[in-house]
Structure formats: C-alpha cells, structure tokens
Amino acid sequence: MVKPLHPVIADITHGLLTAEQSADDAIVSAATMVQSLVADRRQLQLKFGIIQAPLTDAVKAMMLTVEARAHLGRCHKRMHEIGVEHEFFEPTSHGDIFPTTGDPEPIKQSLSLVA
C-alpha cells in the first residue's frame, strides 16, 4: 500500500517542480533572445562589436540560470534523501515513479506526484 504524501511534502515537491520548470523556461527564453540578438544585428545595421557587451551579459545570465538549475536538481535529490531517511514516503526499487502532468507514460522522477 502506497503511503499518501503529507501535505508539507506535497507543497515542497510542487515548489521544486515549479522552480525546475521555471529554470528550463528561462533558459529557453534567454537562448531565443541571444539567437535573435545575433541574427538581427545586421538587420539593425549595427557593427559587429556593438552588441558584444549585451550579448555577454545575456549569455552570462543564461549560464547562471543553468547553474541555478543544477542547484535545484541537487536540492530535489537531497530533499528526496531526507524523505526516504525519515520515512515520509517509500521509494520503489527503481526510484519514485509517478505519472507527470502532460505525460501519457509514467517516467522516473522523484516526488513528481504533485505537479
């Protein structure tokens, strides 16, 4: 019998999943903006070096978001370990497997019961 998740665990999980998805969305948005900045430079008739400073800032911001994404992943893993250690839930032999929103098939994803 699967033990139901405590509401606090569900809240934390929901926050983690939302933050992880937001980081992915921010990376996609930043990458699109960088691509547009470089591709549209000629259309704006700007010399090559004119966009270097904003391009550097945009790429650095995207790199920091990638780093933040890694930290969110570590946080998720550590919270999962705490949940197992304190018996808030029981992992399956292959990790916690729950269907995720918008996914017809279950995938291996820790604590993704709540989305």
PDB file of N, CA and C in Angstrom:
ATOM      1  N   MET A   1       0.844  -1.185   0.000  1.00  0.00           N
ATOM      2  CA  MET A   1       0.000   0.000   0.000  1.00  0.00           C
ATOM      3  C   MET A   1       0.883   1.240   0.000  1.00  0.00           C
ATOM      4  N   VAL A   2       0.644   2.138  -0.909  1.00  0.00           N
ATOM      5  CA  VAL A   2       1.419   3.360  -1.005  1.00  0.00           C
ATOM      6  C   VAL A   2       0.942   4.346   0.052  1.00  0.00           C
ATOM      7  N   LYS A   3       1.893   4.845   0.816  1.00  0.00           N
ATOM      8  CA  LYS A   3       1.601   5.808   1.872  1.00  0.00           C
ATOM      9  C   LYS A   3       1.315   7.175   1.226  1.00  0.00           C
ATOM     10  N   PRO A   4       0.201   7.830   1.563  1.00  0.00           N
ATOM     11  CA  PRO A   4      -0.067   9.141   0.956  1.00  0.00           C
ATOM     12  C   PRO A   4       0.958  10.170   1.426  1.00  0.00           C
ATOM     13  N   LEU A   5       1.278  11.092   0.530  1.00  0.00           N
ATOM     14  CA  LEU A   5       2.241  12.133   0.873  1.00  0.00           C
ATOM     15  C   LEU A   5       1.623  13.135   1.840  1.00  0.00           C
ATOM     16  N   HIS A   6       2.403  13.526   2.824  1.00  0.00           N
ATOM     17  CA  HIS A   6       1.994  14.567   3.770  1.00  0.00           C
ATOM     18  C   HIS A   6       1.839  15.870   2.973  1.00  0.00           C
ATOM     19  N   PRO A   7       0.870  16.728   3.314  1.00  0.00           N
ATOM     20  CA  PRO A   7       0.680  17.987   2.582  1.00  0.00           C
ATOM     21  C   PRO A   7       1.939  18.856   2.514  1.00  0.00           C
ATOM     22  N   VAL A   8       2.770  18.827   3.554  1.00  0.00           N
ATOM     23  CA  VAL A   8       4.009  19.618   3.528  1.00  0.00           C
ATOM     24  C   VAL A   8       4.948  19.081   2.451  1.00  0.00           C
ATOM     25  N   ILE A   9       5.045  17.758   2.346  1.00  0.00           N
ATOM     26  CA  ILE A   9       5.886  17.137   1.324  1.00  0.00           C
ATOM     27  C   ILE A   9       5.361  17.518  -0.061  1.00  0.00           C
ATOM     28  N   ALA A  10       4.047  17.487  -0.213  1.00  0.00           N
ATOM     29  CA  ALA A  10       3.440  17.858  -1.488  1.00  0.00           C
ATOM     30  C   ALA A  10       3.740  19.317  -1.836  1.00  0.00           C
ATOM     31  N   ASP A  11       3.661  20.219  -0.852  1.00  0.00           N
ATOM     32  CA  ASP A  11       3.967  21.632  -1.084  1.00  0.00           C
ATOM     33  C   ASP A  11       5.420  21.830  -1.512  1.00  0.00           C
ATOM     34  N   ILE A  12       6.333  21.170  -0.814  1.00  0.00           N
ATOM     35  CA  ILE A  12       7.760  21.284  -1.142  1.00  0.00           C
ATOM     36  C   ILE A  12       8.004  20.741  -2.548  1.00  0.00           C
ATOM     37  N   THR A  13       7.417  19.593  -2.839  1.00  0.00           N
ATOM     38  CA  THR A  13       7.585  18.986  -4.158  1.00  0.00           C
ATOM     39  C   THR A  13       7.048  19.888  -5.252  1.00  0.00           C
ATOM     40  N   HIS A  14       5.868  20.435  -5.012  1.00  0.00           N
ATOM     41  CA  HIS A  14       5.280  21.337  -6.004  1.00  0.00           C
ATOM     42  C   HIS A  14       6.196  22.541  -6.238  1.00  0.00           C
ATOM     43  N   GLY A  15       6.745  23.102  -5.164  1.00  0.00           N
ATOM     44  CA  GLY A  15       7.657  24.236  -5.297  1.00  0.00           C
ATOM     45  C   GLY A  15       8.909  23.874  -6.080  1.00  0.00           C
ATOM     46  N   LEU A  16       9.470  22.700  -5.791  1.00  0.00           N
ATOM     47  CA  LEU A  16      10.664  22.255  -6.515  1.00  0.00           C
ATOM     48  C   LEU A  16      10.373  22.063  -7.997  1.00  0.00           C
ATOM     49  N   LEU A  17       9.291  21.368  -8.296  1.00  0.00           N
ATOM     50  CA  LEU A  17       8.960  21.115  -9.700  1.00  0.00           C
ATOM     51  C   LEU A  17       8.673  22.406 -10.457  1.00  0.00           C
ATOM     52  N   THR A  18       7.986  23.342  -9.801  1.00  0.00           N
ATOM     53  CA  THR A  18       7.704  24.635 -10.426  1.00  0.00           C
ATOM     54  C   THR A  18       8.989  25.404 -10.676  1.00  0.00           C
ATOM     55  N   ALA A  19       9.890  25.423  -9.699  1.00  0.00           N
ATOM     56  CA  ALA A  19      11.169  26.123  -9.859  1.00  0.00           C
ATOM     57  C   ALA A  19      12.012  25.484 -10.956  1.00  0.00           C
ATOM     58  N   GLU A  20      12.022  24.156 -11.005  1.00  0.00           N
ATOM     59  CA  GLU A  20      12.785  23.460 -12.045  1.00  0.00           C
ATOM     60  C   GLU A  20      12.246  23.792 -13.433  1.00  0.00           C
ATOM     61  N   GLN A  21      10.926  23.781 -13.585  1.00  0.00           N
ATOM     62  CA  GLN A  21      10.327  24.107 -14.875  1.00  0.00           C
ATOM     63  C   GLN A  21      10.585  25.569 -15.232  1.00  0.00           C
ATOM     64  N   SER A  22      10.519  26.459 -14.244  1.00  0.00           N
ATOM     65  CA  SER A  22      10.781  27.873 -14.495  1.00  0.00           C
ATOM     66  C   SER A  22      12.210  28.090 -14.977  1.00  0.00           C
ATOM     67  N   ALA A  23      13.160  27.361 -14.401  1.00  0.00           N
ATOM     68  CA  ALA A  23      14.551  27.472 -14.841  1.00  0.00           C
ATOM     69  C   ALA A  23      14.680  27.018 -16.290  1.00  0.00           C
ATOM     70  N   ASP A  24      14.044  25.901 -16.627  1.00  0.00           N
ATOM     71  CA  ASP A  24      14.072  25.435 -18.021  1.00  0.00           C
ATOM     72  C   ASP A  24      13.477  26.483 -18.952  1.00  0.00           C
ATOM     73  N   ASP A  25      12.345  27.051 -18.565  1.00  0.00           N
ATOM     74  CA  ASP A  25      11.691  28.075 -19.387  1.00  0.00           C
ATOM     75  C   ASP A  25      12.579  29.312 -19.546  1.00  0.00           C
ATOM     76  N   ALA A  26      13.248  29.709 -18.465  1.00  0.00           N
ATOM     77  CA  ALA A  26      14.140  30.874 -18.527  1.00  0.00           C
ATOM     78  C   ALA A  26      15.313  30.609 -19.458  1.00  0.00           C
ATOM     79  N   ILE A  27      15.854  29.409 -19.439  1.00  0.00           N
ATOM     80  CA  ILE A  27      16.968  29.062 -20.324  1.00  0.00           C
ATOM     81  C   ILE A  27      16.517  29.122 -21.779  1.00  0.00           C
ATOM     82  N   VAL A  28      15.353  28.572 -22.069  1.00  0.00           N
ATOM     83  CA  VAL A  28      14.832  28.605 -23.439  1.00  0.00           C
ATOM     84  C   VAL A  28      14.612  30.049 -23.889  1.00  0.00           C
ATOM     85  N   SER A  29      14.021  30.867 -23.030  1.00  0.00           N
ATOM     86  CA  SER A  29      13.764  32.269 -23.373  1.00  0.00           C
ATOM     87  C   SER A  29      15.058  33.032 -23.616  1.00  0.00           C
ATOM     88  N   ALA A  30      16.036  32.824 -22.745  1.00  0.00           N
ATOM     89  CA  ALA A  30      17.320  33.511 -22.898  1.00  0.00           C
ATOM     90  C   ALA A  30      18.018  33.070 -24.179  1.00  0.00           C
ATOM     91  N   ALA A  31      17.982  31.785 -24.468  1.00  0.00           N
ATOM     92  CA  ALA A  31      18.620  31.282 -25.687  1.00  0.00           C
ATOM     93  C   ALA A  31      17.961  31.874 -26.934  1.00  0.00           C
ATOM     94  N   THR A  32      16.653  31.986 -26.908  1.00  0.00           N
ATOM     95  CA  THR A  32      15.928  32.585 -28.034  1.00  0.00           C
ATOM     96  C   THR A  32      16.311  34.048 -28.200  1.00  0.00           C
ATOM     97  N   MET A  33      16.404  34.760 -27.080  1.00  0.00           N
ATOM     98  CA  MET A  33      16.778  36.172 -27.137  1.00  0.00           C
ATOM     99  C   MET A  33      18.194  36.347 -27.670  1.00  0.00           C
ATOM    100  N   VAL A  34      19.128  35.509 -27.219  1.00  0.00           N
ATOM    101  CA  VAL A  34      20.515  35.586 -27.694  1.00  0.00           C
ATOM    102  C   VAL A  34      20.562  35.318 -29.193  1.00  0.00           C
ATOM    103  N   GLN A  35      19.840  34.313 -29.633  1.00  0.00           N
ATOM    104  CA  GLN A  35      19.801  33.989 -31.059  1.00  0.00           C
ATOM    105  C   GLN A  35      19.271  35.175 -31.865  1.00  0.00           C
ATOM    106  N   SER A  36      18.212  35.800 -31.384  1.00  0.00           N
ATOM    107  CA  SER A  36      17.646  36.958 -32.077  1.00  0.00           C
ATOM    108  C   SER A  36      18.621  38.124 -32.101  1.00  0.00           C
ATOM    109  N   LEU A  37      19.282  38.360 -30.981  1.00  0.00           N
ATOM    110  CA  LEU A  37      20.241  39.468 -30.890  1.00  0.00           C
ATOM    111  C   LEU A  37      21.336  39.322 -31.941  1.00  0.00           C
ATOM    112  N   VAL A  38      21.876  38.138 -32.061  1.00  0.00           N
ATOM    113  CA  VAL A  38      22.948  37.899 -33.027  1.00  0.00           C
ATOM    114  C   VAL A  38      22.410  37.931 -34.456  1.00  0.00           C
ATOM    115  N   ALA A  39      21.286  37.274 -34.694  1.00  0.00           N
ATOM    116  CA  ALA A  39      20.733  37.190 -36.046  1.00  0.00           C
ATOM    117  C   ALA A  39      20.238  38.541 -36.557  1.00  0.00           C
ATOM    118  N   ASP A  40      19.707  39.358 -35.677  1.00  0.00           N
ATOM    119  CA  ASP A  40      19.109  40.634 -36.099  1.00  0.00           C
ATOM    120  C   ASP A  40      20.090  41.799 -36.110  1.00  0.00           C
ATOM    121  N   ARG A  41      21.320  41.581 -35.673  1.00  0.00           N
ATOM    122  CA  ARG A  41      22.325  42.655 -35.641  1.00  0.00           C
ATOM    123  C   ARG A  41      22.483  43.295 -37.014  1.00  0.00           C
ATOM    124  N   ARG A  42      22.589  42.468 -38.045  1.00  0.00           N
ATOM    125  CA  ARG A  42      22.769  43.006 -39.402  1.00  0.00           C
ATOM    126  C   ARG A  42      21.548  43.791 -39.860  1.00  0.00           C
ATOM    127  N   GLN A  43      20.365  43.276 -39.547  1.00  0.00           N
ATOM    128  CA  GLN A  43      19.139  43.971 -39.950  1.00  0.00           C
ATOM    129  C   GLN A  43      19.079  45.363 -39.328  1.00  0.00           C
ATOM    130  N   LEU A  44      19.602  45.486 -38.115  1.00  0.00           N
ATOM    131  CA  LEU A  44      19.638  46.797 -37.451  1.00  0.00           C
ATOM    132  C   LEU A  44      20.815  47.642 -37.914  1.00  0.00           C
ATOM    133  N   GLN A  45      21.649  47.061 -38.747  1.00  0.00           N
ATOM    134  CA  GLN A  45      22.840  47.719 -39.297  1.00  0.00           C
ATOM    135  C   GLN A  45      23.797  48.170 -38.200  1.00  0.00           C
ATOM    136  N   LEU A  46      23.984  47.280 -37.225  1.00  0.00           N
ATOM    137  CA  LEU A  46      24.937  47.541 -36.154  1.00  0.00           C
ATOM    138  C   LEU A  46      26.250  46.833 -36.477  1.00  0.00           C
ATOM    139  N   LYS A  47      27.353  47.489 -36.148  1.00  0.00           N
ATOM    140  CA  LYS A  47      28.657  46.869 -36.365  1.00  0.00           C
ATOM    141  C   LYS A  47      28.813  45.680 -35.429  1.00  0.00           C
ATOM    142  N   PHE A  48      29.707  44.781 -35.783  1.00  0.00           N
ATOM    143  CA  PHE A  48      29.923  43.527 -35.075  1.00  0.00           C
ATOM    144  C   PHE A  48      30.098  43.717 -33.564  1.00  0.00           C
ATOM    145  N   GLY A  49      30.946  44.636 -33.145  1.00  0.00           N
ATOM    146  CA  GLY A  49      31.277  44.804 -31.733  1.00  0.00           C
ATOM    147  C   GLY A  49      30.231  45.515 -30.895  1.00  0.00           C
ATOM    148  N   ILE A  50      29.292  46.194 -31.537  1.00  0.00           N
ATOM    149  CA  ILE A  50      28.296  46.991 -30.807  1.00  0.00           C
ATOM    150  C   ILE A  50      27.478  46.133 -29.836  1.00  0.00           C
ATOM    151  N   ILE A  51      27.141  44.919 -30.229  1.00  0.00           N
ATOM    152  CA  ILE A  51      26.284  44.084 -29.373  1.00  0.00           C
ATOM    153  C   ILE A  51      27.082  43.200 -28.415  1.00  0.00           C
ATOM    154  N   GLN A  52      28.410  43.307 -28.426  1.00  0.00           N
ATOM    155  CA  GLN A  52      29.217  42.381 -27.620  1.00  0.00           C
ATOM    156  C   GLN A  52      28.886  42.458 -26.120  1.00  0.00           C
ATOM    157  N   ALA A  53      28.777  43.656 -25.571  1.00  0.00           N
ATOM    158  CA  ALA A  53      28.506  43.793 -24.130  1.00  0.00           C
ATOM    159  C   ALA A  53      27.135  43.215 -23.753  1.00  0.00           C
ATOM    160  N   PRO A  54      26.042  43.594 -24.447  1.00  0.00           N
ATOM    161  CA  PRO A  54      24.759  42.994 -24.076  1.00  0.00           C
ATOM    162  C   PRO A  54      24.718  41.488 -24.356  1.00  0.00           C
ATOM    163  N   LEU A  55      25.415  41.050 -25.406  1.00  0.00           N
ATOM    164  CA  LEU A  55      25.465  39.623 -25.706  1.00  0.00           C
ATOM    165  C   LEU A  55      26.170  38.867 -24.582  1.00  0.00           C
ATOM    166  N   THR A  56      27.267  39.421 -24.094  1.00  0.00           N
ATOM    167  CA  THR A  56      27.998  38.807 -22.985  1.00  0.00           C
ATOM    168  C   THR A  56      27.120  38.739 -21.739  1.00  0.00           C
ATOM    169  N   ASP A  57      26.417  39.821 -21.434  1.00  0.00           N
ATOM    170  CA  ASP A  57      25.528  39.826 -20.264  1.00  0.00           C
ATOM    171  C   ASP A  57      24.410  38.798 -20.399  1.00  0.00           C
ATOM    172  N   ALA A  58      23.818  38.711 -21.579  1.00  0.00           N
ATOM    173  CA  ALA A  58      22.713  37.767 -21.793  1.00  0.00           C
ATOM    174  C   ALA A  58      23.192  36.325 -21.667  1.00  0.00           C
ATOM    175  N   VAL A  59      24.353  36.017 -22.234  1.00  0.00           N
ATOM    176  CA  VAL A  59      24.876  34.651 -22.158  1.00  0.00           C
ATOM    177  C   VAL A  59      25.291  34.324 -20.726  1.00  0.00           C
ATOM    178  N   LYS A  60      25.875  35.280 -20.019  1.00  0.00           N
ATOM    179  CA  LYS A  60      26.244  35.052 -18.613  1.00  0.00           C
ATOM    180  C   LYS A  60      24.988  34.784 -17.775  1.00  0.00           C
ATOM    181  N   ALA A  61      23.933  35.556 -18.006  1.00  0.00           N
ATOM    182  CA  ALA A  61      22.677  35.334 -17.277  1.00  0.00           C
ATOM    183  C   ALA A  61      22.138  33.941 -17.566  1.00  0.00           C
ATOM    184  N   MET A  62      22.238  33.506 -18.818  1.00  0.00           N
ATOM    185  CA  MET A  62      21.766  32.170 -19.163  1.00  0.00           C
ATOM    186  C   MET A  62      22.629  31.111 -18.474  1.00  0.00           C
ATOM    187  N   MET A  63      23.938  31.316 -18.433  1.00  0.00           N
ATOM    188  CA  MET A  63      24.833  30.368 -17.764  1.00  0.00           C
ATOM    189  C   MET A  63      24.512  30.284 -16.274  1.00  0.00           C
ATOM    190  N   LEU A  64      24.212  31.413 -15.653  1.00  0.00           N
ATOM    191  CA  LEU A  64      23.854  31.407 -14.231  1.00  0.00           C
ATOM    192  C   LEU A  64      22.539  30.658 -13.996  1.00  0.00           C
ATOM    193  N   THR A  65      21.619  30.768 -14.948  1.00  0.00           N
ATOM    194  CA  THR A  65      20.362  30.031 -14.835  1.00  0.00           C
ATOM    195  C   THR A  65      20.610  28.533 -14.966  1.00  0.00           C
ATOM    196  N   VAL A  66      21.541  28.156 -15.839  1.00  0.00           N
ATOM    197  CA  VAL A  66      21.908  26.743 -15.964  1.00  0.00           C
ATOM    198  C   VAL A  66      22.512  26.252 -14.645  1.00  0.00           C
ATOM    199  N   GLU A  67      23.341  27.082 -14.026  1.00  0.00           N
ATOM    200  CA  GLU A  67      23.926  26.718 -12.733  1.00  0.00           C
ATOM    201  C   GLU A  67      22.829  26.623 -11.660  1.00  0.00           C
ATOM    202  N   ALA A  68      21.900  27.572 -11.661  1.00  0.00           N
ATOM    203  CA  ALA A  68      20.788  27.534 -10.707  1.00  0.00           C
ATOM    204  C   ALA A  68      19.967  26.267 -10.899  1.00  0.00           C
ATOM    205  N   ARG A  69      19.775  25.854 -12.144  1.00  0.00           N
ATOM    206  CA  ARG A  69      19.040  24.630 -12.452  1.00  0.00           C
ATOM    207  C   ARG A  69      19.716  23.423 -11.811  1.00  0.00           C
ATOM    208  N   ALA A  70      21.049  23.392 -11.878  1.00  0.00           N
ATOM    209  CA  ALA A  70      21.798  22.285 -11.266  1.00  0.00           C
ATOM    210  C   ALA A  70      21.606  22.278  -9.746  1.00  0.00           C
ATOM    211  N   HIS A  71      21.599  23.452  -9.142  1.00  0.00           N
ATOM    212  CA  HIS A  71      21.395  23.537  -7.691  1.00  0.00           C
ATOM    213  C   HIS A  71      19.986  23.091  -7.307  1.00  0.00           C
ATOM    214  N   LEU A  72      18.998  23.439  -8.117  1.00  0.00           N
ATOM    215  CA  LEU A  72      17.632  22.972  -7.849  1.00  0.00           C
ATOM    216  C   LEU A  72      17.565  21.448  -7.934  1.00  0.00           C
ATOM    217  N   GLY A  73      18.266  20.883  -8.894  1.00  0.00           N
ATOM    218  CA  GLY A  73      18.315  19.425  -9.014  1.00  0.00           C
ATOM    219  C   GLY A  73      18.945  18.778  -7.792  1.00  0.00           C
ATOM    220  N   ARG A  74      20.040  19.381  -7.294  1.00  0.00           N
ATOM    221  CA  ARG A  74      20.677  18.867  -6.077  1.00  0.00           C
ATOM    222  C   ARG A  74      19.747  18.998  -4.878  1.00  0.00           C
ATOM    223  N   CYS A  75      19.061  20.120  -4.785  1.00  0.00           N
ATOM    224  CA  CYS A  75      18.104  20.329  -3.690  1.00  0.00           C
ATOM    225  C   CYS A  75      17.028  19.249  -3.748  1.00  0.00           C
ATOM    226  N   HIS A  76      16.523  18.978  -4.934  1.00  0.00           N
ATOM    227  CA  HIS A  76      15.490  17.963  -5.120  1.00  0.00           C
ATOM    228  C   HIS A  76      16.003  16.602  -4.649  1.00  0.00           C
ATOM    229  N   LYS A  77      17.217  16.257  -5.050  1.00  0.00           N
ATOM    230  CA  LYS A  77      17.814  14.973  -4.663  1.00  0.00           C
ATOM    231  C   LYS A  77      17.982  14.894  -3.142  1.00  0.00           C
ATOM    232  N   ARG A  78      18.474  15.972  -2.551  1.00  0.00           N
ATOM    233  CA  ARG A  78      18.692  15.982  -1.100  1.00  0.00           C
ATOM    234  C   ARG A  78      17.370  15.892  -0.340  1.00  0.00           C
ATOM    235  N   MET A  79      16.353  16.584  -0.827  1.00  0.00           N
ATOM    236  CA  MET A  79      15.046  16.508  -0.173  1.00  0.00           C
ATOM    237  C   MET A  79      14.475  15.089  -0.299  1.00  0.00           C
ATOM    238  N   HIS A  80      14.709  14.464  -1.439  1.00  0.00           N
ATOM    239  CA  HIS A  80      14.264  13.073  -1.624  1.00  0.00           C
ATOM    240  C   HIS A  80      14.961  12.168  -0.613  1.00  0.00           C
ATOM    241  N   GLU A  81      16.269  12.343  -0.439  1.00  0.00           N
ATOM    242  CA  GLU A  81      17.030  11.539   0.525  1.00  0.00           C
ATOM    243  C   GLU A  81      16.508  11.736   1.945  1.00  0.00           C
ATOM    244  N   ILE A  82      16.181  12.979   2.300  1.00  0.00           N
ATOM    245  CA  ILE A  82      15.624  13.265   3.622  1.00  0.00           C
ATOM    246  C   ILE A  82      14.279  12.567   3.785  1.00  0.00           C
ATOM    247  N   GLY A  83      13.444  12.622   2.747  1.00  0.00           N
ATOM    248  CA  GLY A  83      12.136  11.976   2.801  1.00  0.00           C
ATOM    249  C   GLY A  83      12.228  10.478   3.014  1.00  0.00           C
ATOM    250  N   VAL A  84      13.183   9.851   2.322  1.00  0.00           N
ATOM    251  CA  VAL A  84      13.374   8.411   2.487  1.00  0.00           C
ATOM    252  C   VAL A  84      13.944   8.112   3.869  1.00  0.00           C
ATOM    253  N   GLU A  85      14.962   8.879   4.276  1.00  0.00           N
ATOM    254  CA  GLU A  85      15.619   8.659   5.577  1.00  0.00           C
ATOM    255  C   GLU A  85      14.637   8.782   6.735  1.00  0.00           C
ATOM    256  N   HIS A  86      13.716   9.734   6.653  1.00  0.00           N
ATOM    257  CA  HIS A  86      12.764   9.964   7.738  1.00  0.00           C
ATOM    258  C   HIS A  86      11.422   9.268   7.498  1.00  0.00           C
ATOM    259  N   GLU A  87      11.399   8.410   6.483  1.00  0.00           N
ATOM    260  CA  GLU A  87      10.237   7.576   6.180  1.00  0.00           C
ATOM    261  C   GLU A  87       8.954   8.380   5.921  1.00  0.00           C
ATOM    262  N   PHE A  88       9.119   9.528   5.228  1.00  0.00           N
ATOM    263  CA  PHE A  88       7.943  10.289   4.819  1.00  0.00           C
ATOM    264  C   PHE A  88       7.260   9.604   3.646  1.00  0.00           C
ATOM    265  N   PHE A  89       8.005   8.811   2.895  1.00  0.00           N
ATOM    266  CA  PHE A  89       7.483   8.021   1.783  1.00  0.00           C
ATOM    267  C   PHE A  89       8.456   6.884   1.525  1.00  0.00           C
ATOM    268  N   GLU A  90       8.006   5.915   0.739  1.00  0.00           N
ATOM    269  CA  GLU A  90       8.836   4.756   0.434  1.00  0.00           C
ATOM    270  C   GLU A  90       9.200   4.783  -1.048  1.00  0.00           C
ATOM    271  N   PRO A  91      10.495   4.765  -1.361  1.00  0.00           N
ATOM    272  CA  PRO A  91      10.880   4.734  -2.771  1.00  0.00           C
ATOM    273  C   PRO A  91      10.651   3.336  -3.343  1.00  0.00           C
ATOM    274  N   THR A  92      10.439   3.253  -4.633  1.00  0.00           N
ATOM    275  CA  THR A  92      10.349   1.942  -5.272  1.00  0.00           C
ATOM    276  C   THR A  92      11.761   1.477  -5.579  1.00  0.00           C
ATOM    277  N   SER A  93      11.885   0.274  -6.086  1.00  0.00           N
ATOM    278  CA  SER A  93      13.214  -0.256  -6.384  1.00  0.00           C
ATOM    279  C   SER A  93      13.899   0.517  -7.505  1.00  0.00           C
ATOM    280  N   HIS A  94      13.128   1.224  -8.324  1.00  0.00           N
ATOM    281  CA  HIS A  94      13.700   1.994  -9.425  1.00  0.00           C
ATOM    282  C   HIS A  94      13.591   3.495  -9.177  1.00  0.00           C
ATOM    283  N   GLY A  95      13.408   3.918  -7.972  1.00  0.00           N
ATOM    284  CA  GLY A  95      13.157   5.333  -7.678  1.00  0.00           C
ATOM    285  C   GLY A  95      11.654   5.541  -7.594  1.00  0.00           C
ATOM    286  N   ASP A  96      11.246   6.730  -7.322  1.00  0.00           N
ATOM    287  CA  ASP A  96       9.817   7.029  -7.234  1.00  0.00           C
ATOM    288  C   ASP A  96       9.277   7.258  -8.631  1.00  0.00           C
ATOM    289  N   ILE A  97       8.281   6.492  -8.998  1.00  0.00           N
ATOM    290  CA  ILE A  97       7.739   6.585 -10.354  1.00  0.00           C
ATOM    291  C   ILE A  97       6.276   6.989 -10.266  1.00  0.00           C
ATOM    292  N   PHE A  98       5.974   8.161 -10.772  1.00  0.00           N
ATOM    293  CA  PHE A  98       4.614   8.668 -10.783  1.00  0.00           C
ATOM    294  C   PHE A  98       4.351   9.283 -12.150  1.00  0.00           C
ATOM    295  N   PRO A  99       3.113   9.285 -12.623  1.00  0.00           N
ATOM    296  CA  PRO A  99       2.830   9.992 -13.880  1.00  0.00           C
ATOM    297  C   PRO A  99       2.994  11.496 -13.667  1.00  0.00           C
ATOM    298  N   THR A 100       3.495  12.173 -14.658  1.00  0.00           N
ATOM    299  CA  THR A 100       3.642  13.625 -14.564  1.00  0.00           C
ATOM    300  C   THR A 100       2.591  14.282 -15.445  1.00  0.00           C
ATOM    301  N   THR A 101       2.265  15.515 -15.151  1.00  0.00           N
ATOM    302  CA  THR A 101       1.234  16.201 -15.924  1.00  0.00           C
ATOM    303  C   THR A 101       1.667  16.312 -17.375  1.00  0.00           C
ATOM    304  N   GLY A 102       0.752  16.064 -18.261  1.00  0.00           N
ATOM    305  CA  GLY A 102       1.013  16.186 -19.684  1.00  0.00           C
ATOM    306  C   GLY A 102       1.778  15.009 -20.266  1.00  0.00           C
ATOM    307  N   ASP A 103       2.127  14.026 -19.463  1.00  0.00           N
ATOM    308  CA  ASP A 103       2.873  12.865 -19.923  1.00  0.00           C
ATOM    309  C   ASP A 103       1.965  11.648 -19.884  1.00  0.00           C
ATOM    310  N   PRO A 104       1.724  11.000 -21.033  1.00  0.00           N
ATOM    311  CA  PRO A 104       0.852   9.832 -21.014  1.00  0.00           C
ATOM    312  C   PRO A 104       1.479   8.626 -20.317  1.00  0.00           C
ATOM    313  N   GLU A 105       2.794   8.578 -20.262  1.00  0.00           N
ATOM    314  CA  GLU A 105       3.501   7.455 -19.647  1.00  0.00           C
ATOM    315  C   GLU A 105       4.175   7.910 -18.358  1.00  0.00           C
ATOM    316  N   PRO A 106       4.206   7.040 -17.339  1.00  0.00           N
ATOM    317  CA  PRO A 106       4.962   7.394 -16.135  1.00  0.00           C
ATOM    318  C   PRO A 106       6.451   7.462 -16.457  1.00  0.00           C
ATOM    319  N   ILE A 107       7.144   8.387 -15.843  1.00  0.00           N
ATOM    320  CA  ILE A 107       8.592   8.477 -16.005  1.00  0.00           C
ATOM    321  C   ILE A 107       9.233   8.468 -14.647  1.00  0.00           C
ATOM    322  N   LYS A 108      10.515   8.120 -14.606  1.00  0.00           N
ATOM    323  CA  LYS A 108      11.224   8.118 -13.337  1.00  0.00           C
ATOM    324  C   LYS A 108      11.504   9.565 -12.941  1.00  0.00           C
ATOM    325  N   GLN A 109      10.888  10.001 -11.876  1.00  0.00           N
ATOM    326  CA  GLN A 109      11.094  11.356 -11.396  1.00  0.00           C
ATOM    327  C   GLN A 109      10.738  11.376  -9.914  1.00  0.00           C
ATOM    328  N   SER A 110      11.669  11.743  -9.089  1.00  0.00           N
ATOM    329  CA  SER A 110      11.446  11.750  -7.652  1.00  0.00           C
ATOM    330  C   SER A 110      10.319  12.700  -7.283  1.00  0.00           C
ATOM    331  N   LEU A 111       9.408  12.198  -6.495  1.00  0.00           N
ATOM    332  CA  LEU A 111       8.346  13.007  -5.894  1.00  0.00           C
ATOM    333  C   LEU A 111       7.512  13.806  -6.877  1.00  0.00           C
ATOM    334  N   SER A 112       7.304  13.310  -8.073  1.00  0.00           N
ATOM    335  CA  SER A 112       6.535  14.098  -9.045  1.00  0.00           C
ATOM    336  C   SER A 112       5.042  13.814  -8.996  1.00  0.00           C
ATOM    337  N   LEU A 113       4.579  13.291  -7.867  1.00  0.00           N
ATOM    338  CA  LEU A 113       3.155  13.003  -7.718  1.00  0.00           C
ATOM    339  C   LEU A 113       2.321  14.272  -7.848  1.00  0.00           C
ATOM    340  N   VAL A 114       2.856  15.382  -7.335  1.00  0.00           N
ATOM    341  CA  VAL A 114       2.129  16.647  -7.349  1.00  0.00           C
ATOM    342  C   VAL A 114       2.753  17.541  -8.391  1.00  0.00           C
ATOM    343  N   ALA A 115       1.975  18.103  -9.270  1.00  0.00           N
ATOM    344  CA  ALA A 115       2.530  18.985 -10.301  1.00  0.00           C
ATOM    345  C   ALA A 115       1.738  20.254 -10.407  1.00  0.00           C
TER     346      ALA A 115
END
